[in-house]
Amino acid sequence: SETSIGLTAPPEGYSDWLTDLKGRIHNAQQRASIAVNRELVLLYWQIGRDILIRQNDQGWGSKVIDRLAQDLRAAFPD
């Protein structure tokens, strides 16, 4: 309970304010996640476009793509 960890009883209106804060934090987390996903999709699309351009202009084959994938995994293990 709250008193067992040394907290005082909350003042009037605290519970509603806490509920509001939790909702705002949750909404901000969702917006941040959507923004990150949007940026990653754009990045991956750009990488795919760059690969296609290099394949067409410089004759890159699947071995170069395999190497790129290996090098990127090593640089970004997560």
Protein backbone atom coordinates (compact mmCIF):
# COMPACT_ATOMS: atom_id res chain seq x y z
CA SER A 1 0.00 0.00 0.00
CA GLU A 2 1.00 3.63 -0.37
CA THR A 3 1.54 4.18 3.36
CA SER A 4 3.83 1.17 3.60
CA ILE A 5 6.39 2.90 1.37
CA GLY A 6 6.06 6.27 3.10
CA LEU A 7 3.78 8.07 0.65
CA THR A 8 1.07 10.41 1.84
CA ALA A 9 -2.50 10.26 0.64
CA PRO A 10 -2.88 11.99 -2.73
CA PRO A 11 -4.54 15.42 -2.79
CA GLU A 12 -7.93 16.03 -4.37
CA GLY A 13 -7.84 15.75 -8.15
CA TYR A 14 -4.60 13.78 -8.14
CA SER A 15 -6.14 10.55 -9.43
CA ASP A 16 -7.73 12.29 -12.44
CA TRP A 17 -4.47 14.13 -13.18
CA LEU A 18 -2.50 10.87 -12.95
CA THR A 19 -4.92 9.18 -15.34
CA ASP A 20 -4.52 12.11 -17.76
CA LEU A 21 -0.72 11.97 -17.52
CA LYS A 22 -0.67 8.24 -18.17
CA GLY A 23 -2.81 8.76 -21.27
CA ARG A 24 -0.59 11.57 -22.53
CA ILE A 25 2.56 9.52 -21.96
CA HIS A 26 1.03 6.52 -23.74
CA ASN A 27 -0.05 8.69 -26.69
CA ALA A 28 3.41 10.27 -26.97
CA GLN A 29 5.00 6.81 -26.92
CA GLN A 30 2.69 5.67 -29.72
CA ARG A 31 3.41 8.77 -31.83
CA ALA A 32 7.15 8.27 -31.31
CA SER A 33 6.89 4.62 -32.36
CA ILE A 34 4.95 5.56 -35.49
CA ALA A 35 7.53 8.23 -36.37
CA VAL A 36 10.39 5.75 -35.94
CA ASN A 37 8.60 3.16 -38.09
CA ARG A 38 7.92 5.78 -40.79
CA GLU A 39 11.59 6.80 -40.86
CA LEU A 40 12.77 3.18 -41.02
CA VAL A 41 10.42 2.35 -43.90
CA LEU A 42 11.69 5.41 -45.77
CA LEU A 43 15.30 4.41 -45.09
CA TYR A 44 14.74 0.84 -46.28
CA TRP A 45 13.02 2.09 -49.43
CA GLN A 46 15.97 4.41 -50.12
CA ILE A 47 18.46 1.58 -49.58
CA GLY A 48 16.48 -0.62 -51.98
CA ARG A 49 16.43 2.16 -54.57
CA ASP A 50 20.19 2.71 -54.16
CA ILE A 51 20.83 -1.02 -54.65
CA LEU A 52 18.72 -1.10 -57.82
CA ILE A 53 20.55 1.93 -59.21
CA ARG A 54 23.93 0.35 -58.53
CA GLN A 55 22.80 -2.95 -60.03
CA ASN A 56 21.67 -1.18 -63.18
CA ASP A 57 24.51 1.36 -63.49
CA GLN A 58 27.45 -0.67 -62.17
CA GLY A 59 26.36 -4.25 -62.74
CA TRP A 60 26.27 -5.18 -59.09
CA GLY A 61 25.20 -8.78 -58.59
CA SER A 62 23.85 -10.82 -55.72
CA LYS A 63 27.34 -11.41 -54.28
CA VAL A 64 27.72 -7.66 -53.64
CA ILE A 65 24.30 -7.60 -52.00
CA ASP A 66 25.26 -10.58 -49.81
CA ARG A 67 28.43 -8.74 -48.79
CA LEU A 68 26.49 -5.56 -48.08
CA ALA A 69 24.04 -7.47 -45.88
CA GLN A 70 26.92 -9.08 -43.98
CA ASP A 71 28.73 -5.76 -43.48
CA LEU A 72 25.56 -3.99 -42.34
CA ARG A 73 24.73 -6.80 -39.89
CA ALA A 74 28.24 -6.48 -38.43
CA ALA A 75 27.91 -2.70 -38.12
CA PHE A 76 24.35 -2.86 -36.71
CA PRO A 77 23.95 -6.18 -34.85
CA ASP A 78 20.61 -5.20 -33.34
